[in-house]
Amino acid sequence: MSGGLNIPSNGALDLVSLGALVHRLDPGIIPFRKATECQIHVSGGEFNVAANLADCFRLNTGIATAMADYPIGDLIAERVKAMGVKPFYKHFKHNGVNGPNMATVYSDHGHGVRPPVVFYNRSNEAAAHLKVGDFDWKEIFAGGVRWFHSGGIFAALSETTGELIIDGMKAAKMAGAIVSFDLNFREKLWNIWGGQKKAAEVVSRIVENVDVLVGNEEDLQKGLGIPGPEVAAKSALDPKTFFDMIDKVVKKHPQVKAVATTLREVHSTNRHMWGAVAWVNGKTYVSPTCELDVHDRVGGGDGYASGFFYGLLAGESPEDAVKLGWAHGALLTTFPGDTTMATVEQVRAFAKGGSARIQR
């Protein structure tokens, strides 16, 4: 038992994620309005966690998601396979004109004083059509499942996705799994169909089923409709405001046993101070802090979540789980794309302090 979380010791699947797969077009440091070419990364907040756990941490993971049958879907499916994630697809036939589509995220890197710019095309997205009844959870969890994960981005896609998350979480609980949710509050997505009020309403119902929450102060405020902290943090690396809000979260959702987030102070687009914290069963844990030379910041938070989950799944102490998550998230920002290119050995070495730039 890691930090009082009663994690099943075995199962055919260590973790199953429920969420949308997307592809991210990345022109590097060139803004889109001047771009002539771009790289294609496969991503999705919920998928990233499953992919990182499979590829870096060598666990057995799966993704329940929508797949549109056309060449973009094929490209994404190939990358899911390459990361070693077992797919549970609900297939949608693409009509060759307007969908259903696999969502596109456009995101340049920014540089120095210029921040990255992110925007979407989620028009007629296949994943937004997902609804209760699209997945046979009994069959998916048949061999045993240890952990089930979803997130706020998927919850924001439509009227039906939040209900599907709750359905999956209830089935996962019945199967004995730990349930986690990354609040990942995205204002733009919620604004289309209900705004912050709707977000808090949907997310609060989801969180009733959750053991482990991932999210920063803003996520907790806007996603859960919890009033902001009275005391402002001295710096972005000061966990005080985050810990102050935990009491409010646990009062509202007493079954939550862990809350985790990253701490990031952005000096420039390519230079961040990086830390991480978690509250597990009434105790607080804070990572070391390090200076990051950022290549691509997208996916750093998912990198932390996956390393933290891995630590707990591997039976490490909560303190070591936080360090593993922090180390993996830090390494993730040094690679292109949203998913990991690190090995578990590199993560463990860095978590132990294998860097000249670490500050105790």
Protein backbone atom coordinates (compact mmCIF):
# COMPACT_ATOMS: atom_id res chain seq x y z
CA MET A 1 0.00 0.00 0.00
CA SER A 2 1.51 3.25 -1.15
CA GLY A 3 0.60 6.18 1.06
CA GLY A 4 -2.63 4.56 2.19
CA LEU A 5 -3.84 4.06 -1.38
CA ASN A 6 -5.01 0.49 -1.67
CA ILE A 7 -3.51 -0.28 -5.09
CA PRO A 8 -4.10 -3.81 -6.44
CA SER A 9 -0.75 -5.60 -6.59
CA ASN A 10 -1.39 -7.11 -10.01
CA GLY A 11 -3.64 -7.03 -13.05
CA ALA A 12 -3.35 -7.65 -16.79
CA LEU A 13 -3.36 -3.86 -17.17
CA ASP A 14 -1.48 -1.56 -14.80
CA LEU A 15 -3.35 1.50 -16.07
CA VAL A 16 -6.16 2.29 -18.49
CA SER A 17 -6.73 5.85 -19.70
CA LEU A 18 -9.95 7.23 -21.17
CA GLY A 19 -9.57 10.29 -23.38
CA ALA A 20 -9.14 11.78 -26.84
CA LEU A 21 -6.22 11.14 -29.13
CA VAL A 22 -5.01 14.20 -31.02
CA HIS A 23 -2.20 15.05 -33.38
CA ARG A 24 -0.14 18.16 -32.79
CA LEU A 25 1.38 20.10 -35.65
CA ASP A 26 4.64 21.68 -34.56
CA PRO A 27 6.53 24.19 -36.73
CA GLY A 28 9.28 24.49 -34.09
CA ILE A 29 10.30 28.05 -33.26
CA ILE A 30 8.56 29.48 -36.36
CA PRO A 31 5.08 30.94 -35.67
CA PHE A 32 2.31 29.30 -37.72
CA ARG A 33 1.64 32.40 -39.78
CA LYS A 34 5.15 32.10 -41.23
CA ALA A 35 5.51 28.30 -41.16
CA THR A 36 6.42 26.29 -44.25
CA GLU A 37 6.70 22.86 -42.61
CA CYS A 38 5.93 21.11 -39.33
CA GLN A 39 6.44 17.93 -37.36
CA ILE A 40 3.49 15.74 -36.35
CA HIS A 41 3.31 14.57 -32.73
CA VAL A 42 0.66 12.24 -31.36
CA SER A 43 -0.77 13.36 -28.05
CA GLY A 44 -3.76 13.72 -25.74
CA GLY A 45 -3.56 14.54 -22.02
CA GLU A 46 -4.96 11.15 -21.00
CA PHE A 47 -3.06 9.18 -23.65
CA ASN A 48 0.28 10.78 -22.70
CA VAL A 49 0.09 9.23 -19.22
CA ALA A 50 -0.59 5.73 -20.62
CA ALA A 51 2.15 6.17 -23.26
CA ASN A 52 4.78 7.37 -20.78
CA LEU A 53 4.01 4.52 -18.37
CA ALA A 54 4.31 1.95 -21.17
CA ASP A 55 7.35 3.30 -23.00
CA CYS A 56 9.55 4.66 -20.18
CA PHE A 57 8.29 2.81 -17.11
CA ARG A 58 7.57 -0.50 -18.90
CA LEU A 59 4.08 -1.02 -17.48
CA ASN A 60 1.11 -2.60 -19.28
CA THR A 61 -1.28 0.20 -20.20
CA GLY A 62 -4.32 0.75 -22.40
CA ILE A 63 -6.31 3.64 -23.90
CA ALA A 64 -10.07 3.70 -24.44
CA THR A 65 -10.70 6.26 -27.15
CA ALA A 66 -12.24 7.16 -30.52
CA MET A 67 -10.58 6.29 -33.80
CA ALA A 68 -11.62 7.80 -37.14
CA ASP A 69 -10.87 5.51 -40.05
CA TYR A 70 -8.86 7.67 -42.46
CA PRO A 71 -5.13 8.30 -42.98
CA ILE A 72 -4.76 10.67 -39.98
CA GLY A 73 -6.34 8.00 -37.78
CA ASP A 74 -3.92 5.44 -39.22
CA LEU A 75 -0.96 7.68 -38.43
CA ILE A 76 -2.15 8.13 -34.83
CA ALA A 77 -2.88 4.40 -34.38
CA GLU A 78 0.63 3.55 -35.58
CA ARG A 79 2.15 5.84 -32.93
CA VAL A 80 -0.09 4.37 -30.20
CA LYS A 81 1.26 0.95 -31.18
CA ALA A 82 4.85 2.23 -31.20
CA MET A 83 4.48 3.49 -27.60
CA GLY A 84 3.26 0.04 -26.56
CA VAL A 85 -0.22 1.11 -25.44
CA LYS A 86 -3.06 -1.39 -25.93
CA PRO A 87 -5.89 0.34 -27.81
CA PHE A 88 -9.60 -0.07 -27.12
CA TYR A 89 -11.05 1.84 -30.07
CA LYS A 90 -14.60 2.88 -30.84
CA HIS A 91 -14.31 3.27 -34.63
CA PHE A 92 -15.92 6.09 -36.60
CA LYS A 93 -16.14 6.09 -40.39
CA HIS A 94 -14.72 9.29 -41.91
CA ASN A 95 -16.87 10.57 -44.79
CA GLY A 96 -13.89 11.97 -46.72
CA VAL A 97 -15.11 15.55 -46.36
CA ASN A 98 -15.93 16.85 -42.90
CA GLY A 99 -15.40 13.99 -40.50
CA PRO A 100 -15.68 12.78 -37.88
CA ASN A 101 -12.08 13.93 -37.44
CA MET A 102 -9.11 13.31 -35.19
CA ALA A 103 -8.53 16.68 -33.49
CA THR A 104 -5.60 18.87 -34.45
CA VAL A 105 -3.56 20.94 -32.01
CA TYR A 106 -1.36 23.67 -33.43
CA SER A 107 1.52 24.68 -31.20
CA ASP A 108 4.77 26.48 -31.92
CA HIS A 109 7.68 26.49 -29.46
CA GLY A 110 8.09 30.22 -28.93
CA HIS A 111 11.60 31.25 -27.96
CA GLY A 112 13.15 33.47 -25.29
CA VAL A 113 10.75 36.36 -24.61
CA ARG A 114 8.19 34.96 -27.09
CA PRO A 115 5.82 32.44 -25.47
CA PRO A 116 4.47 29.38 -27.29
CA VAL A 117 1.06 29.86 -28.99
CA VAL A 118 -1.48 27.02 -28.86
CA PHE A 119 -4.80 26.74 -30.72
CA TYR A 120 -7.01 23.87 -31.91
CA ASN A 121 -9.17 22.54 -34.65
CA ARG A 122 -11.55 20.20 -32.83
CA SER A 123 -14.35 20.55 -35.37
CA ASN A 124 -16.53 17.40 -35.52
CA GLU A 125 -14.02 15.54 -33.36
CA ALA A 126 -14.68 11.78 -33.15
CA ALA A 127 -13.88 11.68 -29.40
CA ALA A 128 -16.59 14.27 -28.64
CA HIS A 129 -19.15 11.74 -29.97
CA LEU A 130 -18.14 9.11 -27.38
CA LYS A 131 -20.92 8.24 -24.96
CA VAL A 132 -21.96 5.76 -22.28
CA GLY A 133 -22.26 2.29 -23.81
CA ASP A 134 -19.41 2.72 -26.34
CA PHE A 135 -16.99 0.61 -24.29
CA ASP A 136 -17.48 -2.77 -22.66
CA TRP A 137 -15.69 -2.03 -19.39
CA LYS A 138 -16.23 -5.57 -18.08
CA GLU A 139 -14.32 -6.90 -21.06
CA ILE A 140 -11.59 -4.23 -20.87
CA PHE A 141 -11.03 -4.85 -17.15
CA ALA A 142 -11.53 -8.64 -17.39
CA GLY A 143 -7.90 -9.58 -16.65
CA GLY A 144 -7.69 -7.10 -13.78
CA VAL A 145 -6.82 -3.40 -13.80
CA ARG A 146 -4.83 -1.52 -11.17
CA TRP A 147 -5.41 2.13 -12.09
CA PHE A 148 -7.90 4.10 -14.21
CA HIS A 149 -7.16 7.63 -15.44
CA SER A 150 -9.04 10.38 -17.26
CA GLY A 151 -8.94 14.14 -17.48
CA GLY A 152 -10.59 17.53 -17.78
CA ILE A 153 -9.77 18.01 -21.45
CA PHE A 154 -11.85 14.97 -22.39
CA ALA A 155 -14.60 16.03 -19.96
CA ALA A 156 -14.82 19.40 -21.74
CA LEU A 157 -15.40 18.01 -25.23
CA SER A 158 -19.16 17.45 -25.12
CA GLU A 159 -22.31 16.75 -23.09
CA THR A 160 -21.62 13.00 -23.29
CA THR A 161 -17.90 12.68 -22.46
CA GLY A 162 -18.24 13.62 -18.78
CA GLU A 163 -20.96 11.00 -18.36
CA LEU A 164 -18.71 8.41 -20.02
CA ILE A 165 -15.86 9.28 -17.61
CA ILE A 166 -18.19 8.71 -14.62
CA ASP A 167 -19.37 5.43 -16.15
CA GLY A 168 -15.76 4.24 -16.68
CA MET A 169 -14.73 5.30 -13.18
CA LYS A 170 -17.61 3.43 -11.54
CA ALA A 171 -16.72 0.29 -13.53
CA ALA A 172 -13.03 0.68 -12.62
CA LYS A 173 -13.93 1.02 -8.93
CA MET A 174 -16.00 -2.18 -9.17
CA ALA A 175 -12.91 -3.85 -10.64
CA GLY A 176 -10.88 -2.63 -7.63
CA ALA A 177 -8.80 -0.01 -9.44
CA ILE A 178 -7.47 3.28 -8.10
CA VAL A 179 -9.10 6.18 -10.00
CA SER A 180 -7.26 9.36 -10.98
CA PHE A 181 -8.31 12.53 -12.78
CA ASP A 182 -6.20 15.36 -14.16
CA LEU A 183 -8.30 18.55 -13.85
CA ASN A 184 -6.52 20.13 -16.85
CA PHE A 185 -8.92 23.08 -16.97
CA ARG A 186 -9.09 24.51 -20.53
CA GLU A 187 -11.22 27.65 -20.60
CA LYS A 188 -11.52 27.70 -24.41
CA LEU A 189 -13.05 24.22 -24.53
CA TRP A 190 -15.63 24.82 -21.78
CA ASN A 191 -16.61 28.26 -23.13
CA ILE A 192 -18.11 26.67 -26.23
CA TRP A 193 -20.90 24.91 -24.34
CA GLY A 194 -21.37 26.16 -20.82
CA GLY A 195 -18.37 27.98 -19.41
CA GLN A 196 -16.97 27.77 -15.91
CA LYS A 197 -20.31 27.11 -14.18
CA LYS A 198 -20.90 24.02 -16.33
CA ALA A 199 -17.29 22.93 -15.85
CA ALA A 200 -17.54 23.01 -12.05
CA GLU A 201 -20.85 21.16 -12.17
CA VAL A 202 -19.58 18.33 -14.43
CA VAL A 203 -16.14 18.04 -12.84
CA SER A 204 -17.50 17.96 -9.28
CA ARG A 205 -19.66 14.97 -10.22
CA ILE A 206 -16.65 13.24 -11.75
CA VAL A 207 -14.43 13.91 -8.73
CA GLU A 208 -16.88 12.14 -6.40
CA ASN A 209 -15.40 8.92 -7.87
CA VAL A 210 -11.74 9.95 -7.68
CA ASP A 211 -8.90 8.84 -5.35
CA VAL A 212 -6.03 10.82 -6.90
CA LEU A 213 -6.35 14.35 -8.33
CA VAL A 214 -3.83 16.17 -10.48
CA GLY A 215 -4.10 19.95 -10.86
CA ASN A 216 -2.69 23.31 -9.83
CA GLU A 217 -4.42 26.10 -7.90
CA GLU A 218 -6.16 27.43 -11.02
CA ASP A 219 -7.38 23.93 -11.95
CA LEU A 220 -8.71 23.40 -8.41
CA GLN A 221 -10.42 26.79 -8.40
CA LYS A 222 -12.00 26.70 -11.85
CA GLY A 223 -12.43 22.96 -12.26
CA LEU A 224 -13.89 22.33 -8.83
CA GLY A 225 -15.42 25.76 -8.21
CA ILE A 226 -13.38 26.13 -5.01
CA PRO A 227 -12.69 29.71 -3.90
CA GLY A 228 -9.16 30.97 -4.47
CA PRO A 229 -6.44 31.11 -1.84
CA GLU A 230 -6.51 33.95 0.70
CA VAL A 231 -2.72 34.20 0.77
CA ALA A 232 -0.80 34.60 -2.46
CA ALA A 233 2.35 32.52 -2.88
CA LYS A 234 5.64 34.41 -2.66
CA SER A 235 6.71 32.78 -5.89
CA ALA A 236 5.44 30.22 -8.38
CA LEU A 237 7.67 27.69 -6.62
CA ASP A 238 6.14 28.25 -3.19
CA PRO A 239 3.69 25.37 -2.52
CA LYS A 240 1.93 27.23 0.32
CA THR A 241 -1.14 28.36 -1.69
CA PHE A 242 -1.50 24.90 -3.19
CA PHE A 243 -1.41 23.25 0.23
CA ASP A 244 -3.84 25.85 1.61
CA MET A 245 -6.36 24.85 -1.05
CA ILE A 246 -6.07 21.13 -0.33
CA ASP A 247 -8.10 21.53 2.88
CA LYS A 248 -10.96 22.99 0.85
CA VAL A 249 -10.70 20.22 -1.74
CA VAL A 250 -10.78 17.45 0.87
CA LYS A 251 -13.63 19.08 2.76
CA LYS A 252 -15.67 19.05 -0.46
CA HIS A 253 -14.42 15.62 -1.63
CA PRO A 254 -13.39 13.63 1.47
CA GLN A 255 -12.66 10.44 -0.49
CA VAL A 256 -9.70 12.08 -2.32
CA LYS A 257 -6.50 10.58 -0.92
CA ALA A 258 -3.88 12.36 -3.00
CA VAL A 259 -3.53 15.66 -4.88
CA ALA A 260 -0.45 16.44 -6.96
CA THR A 261 0.82 19.25 -9.17
CA THR A 262 3.91 20.76 -10.74
CA LEU A 263 5.43 24.10 -9.73
CA ARG A 264 6.91 26.12 -12.54
CA GLU A 265 8.49 29.56 -12.55
CA VAL A 266 8.92 30.75 -16.12
CA HIS A 267 11.93 33.05 -16.56
CA SER A 268 11.80 32.81 -20.33
CA THR A 269 10.27 30.33 -22.77
CA ASN A 270 13.44 28.24 -22.61
CA ARG A 271 14.42 28.71 -18.97
CA HIS A 272 12.15 27.50 -16.18
CA MET A 273 12.61 26.66 -12.53
CA TRP A 274 10.85 23.36 -11.97
CA GLY A 275 9.44 21.69 -8.89
CA ALA A 276 6.58 19.40 -7.90
CA VAL A 277 4.43 18.74 -4.85
CA ALA A 278 1.90 16.23 -3.61
CA TRP A 279 -0.45 15.85 -0.70
CA VAL A 280 -0.94 12.18 0.14
CA ASN A 281 -3.20 11.08 3.00
CA GLY A 282 -2.75 14.23 5.04
CA LYS A 283 1.02 14.56 4.50
CA THR A 284 2.79 16.95 2.15
CA TYR A 285 5.77 16.15 -0.06
CA VAL A 286 7.91 18.61 -2.03
CA SER A 287 10.44 17.74 -4.73
CA PRO A 288 13.84 19.35 -5.14
CA THR A 289 13.95 22.33 -7.53
CA CYS A 290 16.01 22.42 -10.70
CA GLU A 291 16.64 24.78 -13.56
CA LEU A 292 15.32 23.57 -16.90
CA ASP A 293 16.59 24.42 -20.36
CA VAL A 294 13.32 23.74 -22.12
CA HIS A 295 13.20 22.33 -25.63
CA ASP A 296 9.43 21.66 -25.77
CA ARG A 297 7.31 22.30 -22.69
CA VAL A 298 4.15 20.54 -23.91
CA GLY A 299 3.49 17.37 -21.92
CA GLY A 300 5.64 18.23 -18.89
CA GLY A 301 2.68 18.06 -16.52
CA ASP A 302 1.61 14.67 -17.94
CA GLY A 303 5.24 13.62 -17.54
CA TYR A 304 5.05 14.43 -13.83
CA ALA A 305 1.70 12.67 -13.39
CA SER A 306 2.94 9.49 -15.06
CA GLY A 307 6.16 9.34 -13.00
CA PHE A 308 4.19 9.99 -9.79
CA PHE A 309 1.63 7.28 -10.66
CA TYR A 310 4.50 4.90 -11.51
CA GLY A 311 6.10 5.46 -8.11
CA LEU A 312 2.82 4.64 -6.35
CA LEU A 313 2.14 1.62 -8.61
CA ALA A 314 5.68 0.36 -7.98
CA GLY A 315 5.17 0.57 -4.22
CA GLU A 316 7.60 3.46 -3.65
CA SER A 317 7.09 5.93 -0.79
CA PRO A 318 5.00 9.02 -1.68
CA GLU A 319 8.19 11.09 -1.30
CA ASP A 320 10.01 8.98 -3.90
CA ALA A 321 6.94 8.95 -6.16
CA VAL A 322 7.00 12.78 -6.20
CA LYS A 323 10.72 12.76 -7.04
CA LEU A 324 10.24 10.23 -9.86
CA GLY A 325 7.41 12.32 -11.32
CA TRP A 326 9.42 15.51 -10.99
CA ALA A 327 12.47 13.92 -12.64
CA HIS A 328 10.46 12.46 -15.52
CA GLY A 329 8.59 15.74 -16.15
CA ALA A 330 11.91 17.59 -16.20
CA LEU A 331 13.41 15.17 -18.70
CA LEU A 332 10.27 15.29 -20.85
CA THR A 333 10.75 19.01 -21.54
CA THR A 334 14.13 18.20 -23.16
CA PHE A 335 12.52 16.11 -25.93
CA PRO A 336 10.42 17.13 -28.93
CA GLY A 337 6.78 16.02 -28.78
CA ASP A 338 4.36 15.41 -25.93
CA THR A 339 5.34 11.88 -24.88
CA THR A 340 8.48 10.50 -23.30
CA MET A 341 11.80 9.55 -24.86
CA ALA A 342 13.44 8.86 -21.49
CA THR A 343 14.28 5.50 -19.93
CA VAL A 344 13.32 4.53 -16.39
CA GLU A 345 17.06 4.29 -15.58
CA GLN A 346 17.60 7.93 -16.62
CA VAL A 347 14.58 8.99 -14.54
CA ARG A 348 15.81 7.15 -11.45
CA ALA A 349 19.33 8.58 -11.83
CA PHE A 350 18.01 12.14 -12.08
CA ALA A 351 15.54 11.61 -9.21
CA LYS A 352 18.49 10.58 -7.02
CA GLY A 353 20.21 13.87 -7.87
CA GLY A 354 22.34 12.89 -10.82
CA SER A 355 22.73 16.44 -12.07
CA ALA A 356 25.22 19.21 -11.45
CA ARG A 357 22.46 21.82 -11.46
CA ILE A 358 20.30 20.36 -8.73
CA GLN A 359 19.59 22.45 -5.64
CA ARG A 360 18.86 20.75 -2.35
